[in-house]
Structures are given as structure tokens and as C-alpha cells.
Amino acid sequence: MASSKHRTSSCSFLNLLLSFFNFILFILSAASLAPIIFLKMPPTSLGWAFLMISTISLLSSFVGFYSQLTHFCYITHVSLLLASSAGQLLGILALFTKEKSSLSMFKSPRDPREAKVLVRLECGVLMAMFVMQLGVLVVCCAVHSCWVREYEGLEAEREATAKKRRQKIARVEEESMANAAKIAELKNREFDEKMKNKYGQWMKNDFEG
């Protein structure tokens, strides 16, 4: 009973932590859209790639909230987390190591200094998203394992309850059969006593006659 309560409290804490991480990830994903939009609209192919990374991250946060409510979509959530993490890592490497070429590929009409600030802001947001994404992935796996342990614990408790119920039913049946045997034995004894008394009286009358 104590282990069940401890398991429930740990699962509740992990669920709360996962909700917080998903919320932060949602905010960061939404914020990562702004620098790309401000750089150039409509965006270039590189801009669309970064918008896709942010969109996948947004979608993963939505699926994360849904999976917490329904305990489903675990595989889908993990797949989206891995895909968005890979995209974020590639985006960070592109913006951090090749800033000038990335700026030229964005083809921003803004002032070069403003464009550089926006690119560096996007890179910083992607770094924060990547770290948060890894945190969500770790906590998500922990929550899933907690759900599995909780389900296995419930199954074990259900099996133990069913076993106790079967043992109780078997004990009651055994006691009822024993009682029925005792009642039958008592009835046989009463019948034998009646027959002895009856035939014993006849034999006594015959001898006296």
C-alpha cells in the first residue's frame, strides 16, 4: 500500500514536471517563429526549413499535452521529439558555425546588423529549445515507465484480489460441503434410530405374545 502511494506521488510529480517542460517548449517554439518571420516574408528555402523545425516542436508540445491526458500517443510524441531535436541541432550548427552564409541564404532586406541580431536570437532560442526538448524526452520516458509500473502494479493487485476471491469461494464451498455431509450424517443417524426403535418395539411385542 505504501509503495503504491509512493509510486502515485512520483508519477504525479513527473507529470507536473512534464507539463511544465511542455509549456516552456511551446513558448520557445512560438518565439522561434518571430525572428524568421522578421528576417524575410515570404521566407526563403532556409527560412521555411527553420519554420518547419519550429512547427514540429510546436506539434510535439501539443501531442505531449494530449498524451498526458489520454496516456496514448507515446510513440508519436517520442518520434516528434527526436525529429525536432535533430532539426534544432542542425539549425544550431548552421547558424553558429556558418553565420555569414546563413545570413546570405536568408536574403533579408533588413539592415545587416538587424539581420545578424535576428539570426543570433534565433540561434539562442534554438539552443534553449534543444535543451528543453532533451529534458522533455527524458521526463517523457520516465513518465511512460511510471505508467507501465503503475499498470503492472494494478494488474498484480487485481490478480491478488481475484486469487483471494477464488480461495474464499473454494473455502466457502468446502465448508458448505462439509456442513451438508454433517447434516446428511445426522439425518442417517436419526433414521437409523427411528428404525431401531420401530423394529425393536415390534420384536419386543412378538416375544411377549
N, C-alpha and C. Protein backbone atom coordinates (compact mmCIF):
# COMPACT_ATOMS: atom_id res chain seq x y z
N MET A 1 0.84 -1.21 0.00
CA MET A 1 0.00 0.00 0.00
C MET A 1 0.88 1.26 0.00
N ALA A 2 1.93 1.23 0.84
CA ALA A 2 2.83 2.38 0.91
C ALA A 2 3.57 2.56 -0.40
N SER A 3 4.00 1.44 -1.02
CA SER A 3 4.70 1.53 -2.30
C SER A 3 3.79 2.07 -3.38
N SER A 4 2.50 1.70 -3.33
CA SER A 4 1.54 2.21 -4.31
C SER A 4 1.37 3.72 -4.17
N LYS A 5 1.31 4.21 -2.93
CA LYS A 5 1.19 5.66 -2.71
C LYS A 5 2.45 6.38 -3.18
N HIS A 6 3.62 5.79 -2.90
CA HIS A 6 4.88 6.42 -3.33
C HIS A 6 4.95 6.46 -4.85
N ARG A 7 4.50 5.37 -5.50
CA ARG A 7 4.52 5.33 -6.96
C ARG A 7 3.58 6.38 -7.54
N THR A 8 2.41 6.54 -6.94
CA THR A 8 1.44 7.53 -7.43
C THR A 8 1.97 8.95 -7.27
N SER A 9 2.62 9.23 -6.11
CA SER A 9 3.14 10.58 -5.88
C SER A 9 4.29 10.90 -6.84
N SER A 10 5.16 9.90 -7.10
CA SER A 10 6.27 10.13 -8.04
C SER A 10 5.74 10.35 -9.45
N CYS A 11 4.71 9.60 -9.83
CA CYS A 11 4.11 9.79 -11.16
C CYS A 11 3.46 11.17 -11.27
N SER A 12 2.82 11.62 -10.22
CA SER A 12 2.18 12.94 -10.23
C SER A 12 3.23 14.03 -10.39
N PHE A 13 4.36 13.89 -9.68
CA PHE A 13 5.43 14.89 -9.80
C PHE A 13 6.00 14.90 -11.21
N LEU A 14 6.23 13.72 -11.78
CA LEU A 14 6.78 13.64 -13.14
C LEU A 14 5.81 14.21 -14.16
N ASN A 15 4.52 13.96 -13.97
CA ASN A 15 3.51 14.52 -14.88
C ASN A 15 3.49 16.04 -14.81
N LEU A 16 3.59 16.55 -13.59
CA LEU A 16 3.62 18.00 -13.41
C LEU A 16 4.87 18.60 -14.05
N LEU A 17 6.01 17.94 -13.86
CA LEU A 17 7.25 18.42 -14.47
C LEU A 17 7.18 18.37 -15.99
N LEU A 18 6.59 17.32 -16.53
CA LEU A 18 6.45 17.20 -17.98
C LEU A 18 5.53 18.27 -18.54
N SER A 19 4.46 18.57 -17.83
CA SER A 19 3.56 19.65 -18.27
C SER A 19 4.29 20.99 -18.29
N PHE A 20 5.10 21.24 -17.26
CA PHE A 20 5.86 22.49 -17.20
C PHE A 20 6.86 22.58 -18.36
N PHE A 21 7.58 21.48 -18.61
CA PHE A 21 8.56 21.47 -19.70
C PHE A 21 7.87 21.65 -21.06
N ASN A 22 6.72 21.01 -21.24
CA ASN A 22 5.98 21.15 -22.49
C ASN A 22 5.49 22.59 -22.69
N PHE A 23 5.09 23.21 -21.60
CA PHE A 23 4.63 24.60 -21.69
C PHE A 23 5.78 25.53 -22.08
N ILE A 24 6.95 25.34 -21.43
CA ILE A 24 8.13 26.15 -21.79
C ILE A 24 8.53 25.90 -23.24
N LEU A 25 8.48 24.64 -23.66
CA LEU A 25 8.82 24.31 -25.03
C LEU A 25 7.86 24.95 -26.02
N PHE A 26 6.59 24.98 -25.66
CA PHE A 26 5.60 25.63 -26.52
C PHE A 26 5.89 27.12 -26.68
N ILE A 27 6.23 27.77 -25.58
CA ILE A 27 6.55 29.21 -25.64
C ILE A 27 7.80 29.45 -26.49
N LEU A 28 8.84 28.63 -26.28
CA LEU A 28 10.07 28.79 -27.05
C LEU A 28 9.84 28.52 -28.54
N SER A 29 9.02 27.50 -28.83
CA SER A 29 8.75 27.18 -30.24
C SER A 29 7.99 28.31 -30.92
N ALA A 30 7.03 28.88 -30.20
CA ALA A 30 6.30 30.02 -30.77
C ALA A 30 7.22 31.22 -30.94
N ALA A 31 8.12 31.43 -29.97
CA ALA A 31 9.05 32.57 -30.06
C ALA A 31 10.06 32.41 -31.19
N SER A 32 10.40 31.15 -31.52
CA SER A 32 11.38 30.93 -32.58
C SER A 32 10.83 31.26 -33.96
N LEU A 33 9.53 31.40 -34.08
CA LEU A 33 8.94 31.76 -35.38
C LEU A 33 9.20 33.23 -35.71
N ALA A 34 9.26 34.08 -34.67
CA ALA A 34 9.33 35.53 -34.89
C ALA A 34 10.59 35.97 -35.64
N PRO A 35 11.81 35.54 -35.25
CA PRO A 35 12.99 36.01 -35.98
C PRO A 35 12.97 35.66 -37.47
N ILE A 36 12.50 34.47 -37.80
CA ILE A 36 12.46 34.05 -39.20
C ILE A 36 11.45 34.89 -39.98
N ILE A 37 10.32 35.17 -39.34
CA ILE A 37 9.30 35.99 -40.00
C ILE A 37 9.80 37.41 -40.19
N PHE A 38 10.51 37.93 -39.19
CA PHE A 38 11.03 39.31 -39.29
C PHE A 38 12.18 39.42 -40.30
N LEU A 39 12.90 38.33 -40.49
CA LEU A 39 14.02 38.39 -41.44
C LEU A 39 13.52 38.60 -42.87
N LYS A 40 12.54 37.81 -43.27
CA LYS A 40 12.03 37.95 -44.63
C LYS A 40 10.70 37.22 -44.76
N MET A 41 9.74 37.90 -45.34
CA MET A 41 8.45 37.30 -45.66
C MET A 41 8.10 37.64 -47.10
N PRO A 42 7.77 36.64 -47.92
CA PRO A 42 7.81 35.21 -47.59
C PRO A 42 9.25 34.73 -47.43
N PRO A 43 9.46 33.72 -46.59
CA PRO A 43 10.84 33.28 -46.31
C PRO A 43 11.45 32.51 -47.48
N THR A 44 12.76 32.41 -47.44
CA THR A 44 13.48 31.60 -48.42
C THR A 44 13.38 30.12 -48.03
N SER A 45 14.04 29.29 -48.82
CA SER A 45 14.01 27.85 -48.51
C SER A 45 14.62 27.56 -47.14
N LEU A 46 15.68 28.27 -46.79
CA LEU A 46 16.27 28.10 -45.47
C LEU A 46 15.31 28.58 -44.38
N GLY A 47 14.62 29.69 -44.66
CA GLY A 47 13.63 30.18 -43.70
C GLY A 47 12.50 29.19 -43.50
N TRP A 48 12.04 28.58 -44.60
CA TRP A 48 10.99 27.56 -44.48
C TRP A 48 11.48 26.36 -43.67
N ALA A 49 12.74 26.01 -43.82
CA ALA A 49 13.29 24.89 -43.05
C ALA A 49 13.25 25.19 -41.55
N PHE A 50 13.62 26.42 -41.18
CA PHE A 50 13.58 26.78 -39.75
C PHE A 50 12.14 26.88 -39.24
N LEU A 51 11.23 27.37 -40.10
CA LEU A 51 9.82 27.41 -39.71
C LEU A 51 9.28 25.99 -39.51
N MET A 52 9.73 25.05 -40.33
CA MET A 52 9.30 23.66 -40.18
C MET A 52 9.81 23.07 -38.87
N ILE A 53 11.06 23.40 -38.51
CA ILE A 53 11.60 22.91 -37.24
C ILE A 53 10.77 23.42 -36.06
N SER A 54 10.42 24.72 -36.11
CA SER A 54 9.61 25.29 -35.03
C SER A 54 8.21 24.69 -35.01
N THR A 55 7.65 24.43 -36.18
CA THR A 55 6.31 23.85 -36.27
C THR A 55 6.29 22.43 -35.69
N ILE A 56 7.31 21.64 -36.02
CA ILE A 56 7.39 20.27 -35.47
C ILE A 56 7.52 20.32 -33.95
N SER A 57 8.29 21.28 -33.44
CA SER A 57 8.43 21.42 -31.99
C SER A 57 7.11 21.82 -31.34
N LEU A 58 6.40 22.74 -32.00
CA LEU A 58 5.06 23.11 -31.50
C LEU A 58 4.13 21.90 -31.48
N LEU A 59 4.17 21.14 -32.56
CA LEU A 59 3.31 19.95 -32.65
C LEU A 59 3.66 18.93 -31.58
N SER A 60 4.97 18.78 -31.31
CA SER A 60 5.38 17.83 -30.26
C SER A 60 4.88 18.26 -28.88
N SER A 61 4.85 19.58 -28.63
CA SER A 61 4.33 20.04 -27.33
C SER A 61 2.83 19.79 -27.22
N PHE A 62 2.10 19.98 -28.33
CA PHE A 62 0.66 19.68 -28.32
C PHE A 62 0.41 18.20 -28.09
N VAL A 63 1.15 17.36 -28.81
CA VAL A 63 0.99 15.91 -28.64
C VAL A 63 1.39 15.49 -27.23
N GLY A 64 2.39 16.17 -26.66
CA GLY A 64 2.79 15.87 -25.29
C GLY A 64 1.66 16.15 -24.30
N PHE A 65 0.98 17.27 -24.46
CA PHE A 65 -0.17 17.56 -23.60
C PHE A 65 -1.27 16.52 -23.79
N TYR A 66 -1.53 16.14 -25.03
CA TYR A 66 -2.59 15.16 -25.32
C TYR A 66 -2.25 13.79 -24.75
N SER A 67 -0.98 13.38 -24.90
CA SER A 67 -0.58 12.06 -24.39
C SER A 67 -0.65 12.00 -22.87
N GLN A 68 -0.44 13.13 -22.20
CA GLN A 68 -0.58 13.15 -20.74
C GLN A 68 -2.02 12.96 -20.31
N LEU A 69 -2.94 13.49 -21.10
CA LEU A 69 -4.36 13.38 -20.75
C LEU A 69 -4.91 11.99 -21.03
N THR A 70 -4.44 11.37 -22.10
CA THR A 70 -5.02 10.10 -22.55
C THR A 70 -4.11 8.90 -22.34
N HIS A 71 -2.85 9.10 -21.99
CA HIS A 71 -1.86 8.02 -21.85
C HIS A 71 -1.63 7.28 -23.17
N PHE A 72 -1.92 7.95 -24.29
CA PHE A 72 -1.67 7.38 -25.60
C PHE A 72 -0.65 8.24 -26.34
N CYS A 73 -0.40 7.90 -27.60
CA CYS A 73 0.48 8.68 -28.49
C CYS A 73 1.90 8.77 -27.98
N TYR A 74 2.36 7.80 -27.19
CA TYR A 74 3.72 7.87 -26.67
C TYR A 74 4.74 7.77 -27.80
N ILE A 75 4.54 6.81 -28.71
CA ILE A 75 5.49 6.62 -29.82
C ILE A 75 5.51 7.86 -30.72
N THR A 76 4.32 8.41 -31.00
CA THR A 76 4.23 9.60 -31.84
C THR A 76 4.95 10.78 -31.18
N HIS A 77 4.74 10.93 -29.88
CA HIS A 77 5.38 12.03 -29.15
C HIS A 77 6.90 11.91 -29.18
N VAL A 78 7.40 10.71 -28.91
CA VAL A 78 8.86 10.49 -28.91
C VAL A 78 9.44 10.71 -30.31
N SER A 79 8.70 10.26 -31.34
CA SER A 79 9.18 10.44 -32.71
C SER A 79 9.27 11.92 -33.07
N LEU A 80 8.26 12.69 -32.67
CA LEU A 80 8.29 14.13 -32.93
C LEU A 80 9.41 14.81 -32.15
N LEU A 81 9.62 14.36 -30.92
CA LEU A 81 10.70 14.94 -30.11
C LEU A 81 12.07 14.68 -30.75
N LEU A 82 12.27 13.46 -31.22
CA LEU A 82 13.55 13.13 -31.85
C LEU A 82 13.73 13.90 -33.16
N ALA A 83 12.65 13.99 -33.96
CA ALA A 83 12.75 14.71 -35.23
C ALA A 83 13.05 16.19 -35.02
N SER A 84 12.32 16.81 -34.07
CA SER A 84 12.54 18.24 -33.83
C SER A 84 13.90 18.49 -33.19
N SER A 85 14.37 17.56 -32.34
CA SER A 85 15.70 17.72 -31.74
C SER A 85 16.79 17.66 -32.81
N ALA A 86 16.62 16.71 -33.76
CA ALA A 86 17.61 16.62 -34.84
C ALA A 86 17.60 17.89 -35.70
N GLY A 87 16.40 18.41 -35.98
CA GLY A 87 16.31 19.64 -36.75
C GLY A 87 16.90 20.83 -36.02
N GLN A 88 16.65 20.90 -34.72
CA GLN A 88 17.20 22.00 -33.94
C GLN A 88 18.73 21.94 -33.89
N LEU A 89 19.26 20.73 -33.76
CA LEU A 89 20.71 20.58 -33.71
C LEU A 89 21.35 21.01 -35.04
N LEU A 90 20.74 20.61 -36.14
CA LEU A 90 21.24 21.02 -37.45
C LEU A 90 21.14 22.53 -37.63
N GLY A 91 20.01 23.10 -37.16
CA GLY A 91 19.84 24.55 -37.25
C GLY A 91 20.85 25.31 -36.43
N ILE A 92 21.14 24.81 -35.23
CA ILE A 92 22.15 25.47 -34.37
C ILE A 92 23.52 25.42 -35.04
N LEU A 93 23.86 24.24 -35.60
CA LEU A 93 25.17 24.12 -36.26
C LEU A 93 25.26 25.05 -37.47
N ALA A 94 24.15 25.15 -38.22
CA ALA A 94 24.17 26.02 -39.41
C ALA A 94 24.32 27.49 -39.02
N LEU A 95 23.58 27.93 -37.99
CA LEU A 95 23.62 29.35 -37.61
C LEU A 95 24.88 29.69 -36.81
N PHE A 96 25.39 28.73 -36.04
CA PHE A 96 26.52 29.03 -35.16
C PHE A 96 27.86 28.95 -35.91
N THR A 97 27.99 27.95 -36.77
CA THR A 97 29.27 27.76 -37.45
C THR A 97 29.36 28.48 -38.79
N LYS A 98 28.21 28.70 -39.42
CA LYS A 98 28.21 29.35 -40.74
C LYS A 98 27.22 30.52 -40.74
N GLU A 99 27.51 31.48 -39.90
CA GLU A 99 26.58 32.60 -39.73
C GLU A 99 26.48 33.45 -41.00
N LYS A 100 27.61 33.74 -41.64
CA LYS A 100 27.59 34.62 -42.82
C LYS A 100 26.85 33.98 -43.99
N SER A 101 27.15 32.71 -44.23
CA SER A 101 26.46 32.03 -45.33
C SER A 101 24.97 31.87 -45.03
N SER A 102 24.61 31.65 -43.77
CA SER A 102 23.19 31.55 -43.40
C SER A 102 22.50 32.89 -43.62
N LEU A 103 23.17 34.00 -43.25
CA LEU A 103 22.60 35.34 -43.48
C LEU A 103 22.35 35.58 -44.97
N SER A 104 23.30 35.17 -45.79
CA SER A 104 23.12 35.37 -47.24
C SER A 104 21.99 34.50 -47.78
N MET A 105 21.81 33.31 -47.22
CA MET A 105 20.74 32.42 -47.68
C MET A 105 19.36 32.88 -47.22
N PHE A 106 19.30 33.63 -46.11
CA PHE A 106 18.01 34.19 -45.68
C PHE A 106 17.56 35.33 -46.60
N LYS A 107 18.53 36.01 -47.24
CA LYS A 107 18.23 37.12 -48.17
C LYS A 107 17.32 38.16 -47.53
N SER A 108 17.69 38.57 -46.32
CA SER A 108 16.87 39.52 -45.59
C SER A 108 17.04 40.94 -46.14
N PRO A 109 15.93 41.66 -46.35
CA PRO A 109 16.03 43.05 -46.81
C PRO A 109 16.37 44.02 -45.68
N ARG A 110 16.48 43.53 -44.47
CA ARG A 110 16.75 44.39 -43.33
C ARG A 110 18.22 44.81 -43.29
N ASP A 111 18.49 45.74 -42.39
CA ASP A 111 19.86 46.18 -42.17
C ASP A 111 20.71 44.98 -41.73
N PRO A 112 21.93 44.85 -42.23
CA PRO A 112 22.77 43.69 -41.87
C PRO A 112 22.94 43.49 -40.38
N ARG A 113 23.03 44.59 -39.63
CA ARG A 113 23.16 44.45 -38.17
C ARG A 113 21.89 43.85 -37.56
N GLU A 114 20.73 44.36 -38.01
CA GLU A 114 19.46 43.82 -37.50
C GLU A 114 19.31 42.35 -37.89
N ALA A 115 19.68 42.02 -39.12
CA ALA A 115 19.58 40.64 -39.56
C ALA A 115 20.49 39.74 -38.74
N LYS A 116 21.70 40.23 -38.43
CA LYS A 116 22.63 39.44 -37.62
C LYS A 116 22.07 39.22 -36.21
N VAL A 117 21.46 40.27 -35.65
CA VAL A 117 20.85 40.13 -34.31
C VAL A 117 19.72 39.11 -34.34
N LEU A 118 18.90 39.15 -35.39
CA LEU A 118 17.79 38.21 -35.50
C LEU A 118 18.29 36.78 -35.67
N VAL A 119 19.34 36.61 -36.46
CA VAL A 119 19.91 35.27 -36.65
C VAL A 119 20.48 34.74 -35.33
N ARG A 120 21.20 35.59 -34.60
CA ARG A 120 21.76 35.15 -33.32
C ARG A 120 20.66 34.88 -32.29
N LEU A 121 19.59 35.67 -32.36
CA LEU A 121 18.45 35.43 -31.47
C LEU A 121 17.80 34.08 -31.79
N GLU A 122 17.66 33.80 -33.08
CA GLU A 122 17.11 32.50 -33.49
C GLU A 122 18.00 31.35 -33.03
N CYS A 123 19.31 31.55 -33.15
CA CYS A 123 20.24 30.51 -32.70
C CYS A 123 20.13 30.28 -31.20
N GLY A 124 20.01 31.37 -30.42
CA GLY A 124 19.86 31.23 -28.96
C GLY A 124 18.57 30.54 -28.58
N VAL A 125 17.48 30.89 -29.27
CA VAL A 125 16.19 30.24 -28.98
C VAL A 125 16.25 28.76 -29.34
N LEU A 126 16.90 28.43 -30.46
CA LEU A 126 17.04 27.03 -30.84
C LEU A 126 17.85 26.24 -29.82
N MET A 127 18.89 26.87 -29.26
CA MET A 127 19.68 26.20 -28.21
C MET A 127 18.82 25.91 -26.98
N ALA A 128 18.04 26.92 -26.58
CA ALA A 128 17.15 26.72 -25.43
C ALA A 128 16.10 25.65 -25.73
N MET A 129 15.57 25.65 -26.96
CA MET A 129 14.60 24.64 -27.36
C MET A 129 15.21 23.25 -27.34
N PHE A 130 16.45 23.13 -27.82
CA PHE A 130 17.12 21.83 -27.87
C PHE A 130 17.31 21.26 -26.46
N VAL A 131 17.78 22.11 -25.55
CA VAL A 131 17.96 21.66 -24.16
C VAL A 131 16.62 21.25 -23.54
N MET A 132 15.61 22.08 -23.76
CA MET A 132 14.28 21.78 -23.21
C MET A 132 13.70 20.52 -23.85
N GLN A 133 13.97 20.35 -25.15
CA GLN A 133 13.48 19.17 -25.85
C GLN A 133 14.09 17.89 -25.27
N LEU A 134 15.38 17.94 -24.97
CA LEU A 134 16.02 16.79 -24.34
C LEU A 134 15.43 16.51 -22.96
N GLY A 135 15.16 17.59 -22.22
CA GLY A 135 14.52 17.42 -20.90
C GLY A 135 13.15 16.79 -21.02
N VAL A 136 12.37 17.25 -22.00
CA VAL A 136 11.04 16.67 -22.23
C VAL A 136 11.16 15.19 -22.59
N LEU A 137 12.14 14.85 -23.43
CA LEU A 137 12.33 13.47 -23.85
C LEU A 137 12.66 12.57 -22.66
N VAL A 138 13.56 13.04 -21.79
CA VAL A 138 13.95 12.24 -20.62
C VAL A 138 12.77 12.05 -19.67
N VAL A 139 12.07 13.16 -19.37
CA VAL A 139 10.93 13.08 -18.44
C VAL A 139 9.80 12.27 -19.05
N CYS A 140 9.61 12.38 -20.38
CA CYS A 140 8.56 11.61 -21.05
C CYS A 140 8.82 10.12 -20.92
N CYS A 141 10.07 9.71 -21.10
CA CYS A 141 10.42 8.29 -20.93
C CYS A 141 10.20 7.84 -19.48
N ALA A 142 10.55 8.72 -18.54
CA ALA A 142 10.34 8.39 -17.12
C ALA A 142 8.85 8.26 -16.80
N VAL A 143 8.03 9.15 -17.34
CA VAL A 143 6.59 9.08 -17.11
C VAL A 143 6.01 7.81 -17.72
N HIS A 144 6.48 7.46 -18.92
CA HIS A 144 5.97 6.25 -19.56
C HIS A 144 6.32 5.01 -18.74
N SER A 145 7.56 4.93 -18.26
CA SER A 145 7.95 3.79 -17.43
C SER A 145 7.15 3.77 -16.13
N CYS A 146 6.82 4.95 -15.62
CA CYS A 146 5.99 5.04 -14.40
C CYS A 146 4.59 4.53 -14.68
N TRP A 147 4.05 4.90 -15.85
CA TRP A 147 2.73 4.37 -16.25
C TRP A 147 2.75 2.85 -16.37
N VAL A 148 3.83 2.32 -16.95
CA VAL A 148 3.95 0.87 -17.11
C VAL A 148 4.00 0.19 -15.75
N ARG A 149 4.82 0.73 -14.83
CA ARG A 149 4.90 0.15 -13.48
C ARG A 149 3.56 0.24 -12.77
N GLU A 150 2.88 1.37 -12.94
CA GLU A 150 1.58 1.53 -12.29
C GLU A 150 0.58 0.53 -12.85
N TYR A 151 0.61 0.34 -14.17
CA TYR A 151 -0.30 -0.64 -14.79
C TYR A 151 0.01 -2.05 -14.31
N GLU A 152 1.31 -2.39 -14.26
CA GLU A 152 1.70 -3.71 -13.78
C GLU A 152 1.30 -3.90 -12.32
N GLY A 153 1.44 -2.82 -11.51
CA GLY A 153 1.03 -2.91 -10.10
C GLY A 153 -0.46 -3.13 -9.96
N LEU A 154 -1.25 -2.42 -10.79
CA LEU A 154 -2.70 -2.61 -10.77
C LEU A 154 -3.08 -4.02 -11.20
N GLU A 155 -2.38 -4.55 -12.22
CA GLU A 155 -2.64 -5.90 -12.67
C GLU A 155 -2.31 -6.91 -11.58
N ALA A 156 -1.19 -6.68 -10.89
CA ALA A 156 -0.81 -7.59 -9.80
C ALA A 156 -1.82 -7.53 -8.66
N GLU A 157 -2.27 -6.33 -8.31
CA GLU A 157 -3.27 -6.18 -7.25
C GLU A 157 -4.59 -6.83 -7.67
N ARG A 158 -4.96 -6.67 -8.95
CA ARG A 158 -6.20 -7.28 -9.43
C ARG A 158 -6.10 -8.80 -9.40
N GLU A 159 -4.92 -9.31 -9.78
CA GLU A 159 -4.71 -10.76 -9.76
C GLU A 159 -4.73 -11.30 -8.33
N ALA A 160 -4.12 -10.54 -7.40
CA ALA A 160 -4.11 -10.97 -5.99
C ALA A 160 -5.53 -10.96 -5.42
N THR A 161 -6.30 -9.92 -5.79
CA THR A 161 -7.69 -9.86 -5.31
C THR A 161 -8.52 -11.00 -5.87
N ALA A 162 -8.32 -11.31 -7.15
CA ALA A 162 -9.06 -12.42 -7.77
C ALA A 162 -8.66 -13.75 -7.13
N LYS A 163 -7.36 -13.91 -6.82
CA LYS A 163 -6.90 -15.13 -6.17
C LYS A 163 -7.52 -15.29 -4.79
N LYS A 164 -7.56 -14.18 -4.02
CA LYS A 164 -8.19 -14.24 -2.70
C LYS A 164 -9.67 -14.57 -2.80
N ARG A 165 -10.33 -13.98 -3.84
CA ARG A 165 -11.74 -14.26 -4.03
C ARG A 165 -11.97 -15.73 -4.36
N ARG A 166 -11.11 -16.28 -5.22
CA ARG A 166 -11.24 -17.70 -5.57
C ARG A 166 -11.00 -18.59 -4.36
N GLN A 167 -9.99 -18.24 -3.55
CA GLN A 167 -9.71 -19.03 -2.35
C GLN A 167 -10.88 -18.96 -1.37
N LYS A 168 -11.46 -17.76 -1.25
CA LYS A 168 -12.61 -17.60 -0.35
C LYS A 168 -13.80 -18.41 -0.82
N ILE A 169 -14.05 -18.37 -2.15
CA ILE A 169 -15.16 -19.14 -2.70
C ILE A 169 -14.93 -20.64 -2.50
N ALA A 170 -13.67 -21.09 -2.73
CA ALA A 170 -13.35 -22.50 -2.53
C ALA A 170 -13.53 -22.90 -1.07
N ARG A 171 -13.12 -22.01 -0.14
CA ARG A 171 -13.27 -22.30 1.28
C ARG A 171 -14.75 -22.39 1.67
N VAL A 172 -15.55 -21.46 1.13
CA VAL A 172 -16.99 -21.48 1.43
C VAL A 172 -17.64 -22.73 0.87
N GLU A 173 -17.25 -23.12 -0.36
CA GLU A 173 -17.80 -24.34 -0.94
C GLU A 173 -17.40 -25.57 -0.14
N GLU A 174 -16.13 -25.57 0.32
CA GLU A 174 -15.67 -26.70 1.12
C GLU A 174 -16.43 -26.78 2.44
N GLU A 175 -16.64 -25.62 3.07
CA GLU A 175 -17.39 -25.60 4.33
C GLU A 175 -18.84 -26.01 4.12
N SER A 176 -19.44 -25.54 3.01
CA SER A 176 -20.83 -25.91 2.74
C SER A 176 -20.95 -27.41 2.47
N MET A 177 -19.96 -27.98 1.75
CA MET A 177 -20.00 -29.42 1.51
C MET A 177 -19.82 -30.20 2.80
N ALA A 178 -18.93 -29.69 3.67
CA ALA A 178 -18.73 -30.36 4.96
C ALA A 178 -20.00 -30.28 5.80
N ASN A 179 -20.66 -29.12 5.80
CA ASN A 179 -21.90 -28.97 6.54
C ASN A 179 -22.99 -29.88 5.99
N ALA A 180 -23.05 -29.97 4.64
CA ALA A 180 -24.05 -30.84 4.01
C ALA A 180 -23.79 -32.30 4.39
N ALA A 181 -22.51 -32.69 4.45
CA ALA A 181 -22.18 -34.06 4.83
C ALA A 181 -22.58 -34.33 6.29
N LYS A 182 -22.33 -33.33 7.15
CA LYS A 182 -22.71 -33.49 8.56
C LYS A 182 -24.23 -33.62 8.71
N ILE A 183 -24.97 -32.77 7.96
CA ILE A 183 -26.44 -32.83 8.02
C ILE A 183 -26.94 -34.18 7.53
N ALA A 184 -26.34 -34.67 6.42
CA ALA A 184 -26.75 -35.98 5.90
C ALA A 184 -26.45 -37.09 6.91
N GLU A 185 -25.30 -36.99 7.58
CA GLU A 185 -24.94 -37.99 8.58
C GLU A 185 -25.90 -37.97 9.75
N LEU A 186 -26.27 -36.74 10.19
CA LEU A 186 -27.24 -36.63 11.29
C LEU A 186 -28.59 -37.21 10.89
N LYS A 187 -29.02 -36.94 9.65
CA LYS A 187 -30.31 -37.48 9.19
C LYS A 187 -30.27 -39.01 9.12
N ASN A 188 -29.13 -39.57 8.68
CA ASN A 188 -28.99 -41.02 8.63
C ASN A 188 -29.05 -41.63 10.03
N ARG A 189 -28.39 -40.94 10.98
CA ARG A 189 -28.43 -41.43 12.35
C ARG A 189 -29.84 -41.40 12.92
N GLU A 190 -30.55 -40.29 12.65
CA GLU A 190 -31.93 -40.18 13.12
C GLU A 190 -32.81 -41.27 12.51
N PHE A 191 -32.58 -41.50 11.20
CA PHE A 191 -33.36 -42.55 10.53
C PHE A 191 -33.06 -43.93 11.11
N ASP A 192 -31.75 -44.20 11.37
CA ASP A 192 -31.38 -45.48 11.97
C ASP A 192 -31.98 -45.64 13.35
N GLU A 193 -31.98 -44.54 14.13
CA GLU A 193 -32.57 -44.60 15.47
C GLU A 193 -34.06 -44.89 15.41
N LYS A 194 -34.73 -44.24 14.48
CA LYS A 194 -36.18 -44.47 14.32
C LYS A 194 -36.47 -45.91 13.91
N MET A 195 -35.66 -46.43 12.96
CA MET A 195 -35.88 -47.80 12.51
C MET A 195 -35.59 -48.79 13.64
N LYS A 196 -34.51 -48.51 14.40
CA LYS A 196 -34.21 -49.41 15.52
C LYS A 196 -35.33 -49.40 16.55
N ASN A 197 -35.81 -48.19 16.86
CA ASN A 197 -36.88 -48.09 17.84
C ASN A 197 -38.15 -48.80 17.35
N LYS A 198 -38.44 -48.63 16.06
CA LYS A 198 -39.67 -49.20 15.50
C LYS A 198 -39.61 -50.72 15.45
N TYR A 199 -38.52 -51.25 14.85
CA TYR A 199 -38.42 -52.70 14.77
C TYR A 199 -38.12 -53.32 16.12
N GLY A 200 -37.44 -52.60 16.98
CA GLY A 200 -37.19 -53.12 18.31
C GLY A 200 -38.49 -53.27 19.09
N GLN A 201 -39.46 -52.36 18.92
CA GLN A 201 -40.75 -52.44 19.59
C GLN A 201 -41.55 -53.61 19.06
N TRP A 202 -41.51 -53.86 17.75
CA TRP A 202 -42.25 -55.00 17.16
C TRP A 202 -41.71 -56.32 17.67
N MET A 203 -40.35 -56.43 17.69
CA MET A 203 -39.75 -57.67 18.16
C MET A 203 -40.08 -57.91 19.63
N LYS A 204 -40.14 -56.84 20.40
CA LYS A 204 -40.48 -56.97 21.81
C LYS A 204 -41.93 -57.44 21.99
N ASN A 205 -42.82 -56.93 21.19
CA ASN A 205 -44.22 -57.32 21.25
C ASN A 205 -44.38 -58.77 20.82
N ASP A 206 -43.59 -59.20 19.79
CA ASP A 206 -43.69 -60.60 19.33
C ASP A 206 -43.22 -61.54 20.41
N PHE A 207 -42.15 -61.20 21.11
CA PHE A 207 -41.67 -62.11 22.18
C PHE A 207 -42.67 -62.16 23.33
N GLU A 208 -43.28 -61.02 23.64
CA GLU A 208 -44.23 -61.01 24.74
C GLU A 208 -45.48 -61.79 24.38
N GLY A 209 -45.88 -61.73 23.08
CA GLY A 209 -47.07 -62.50 22.63
C GLY A 209 -46.81 -63.99 22.66
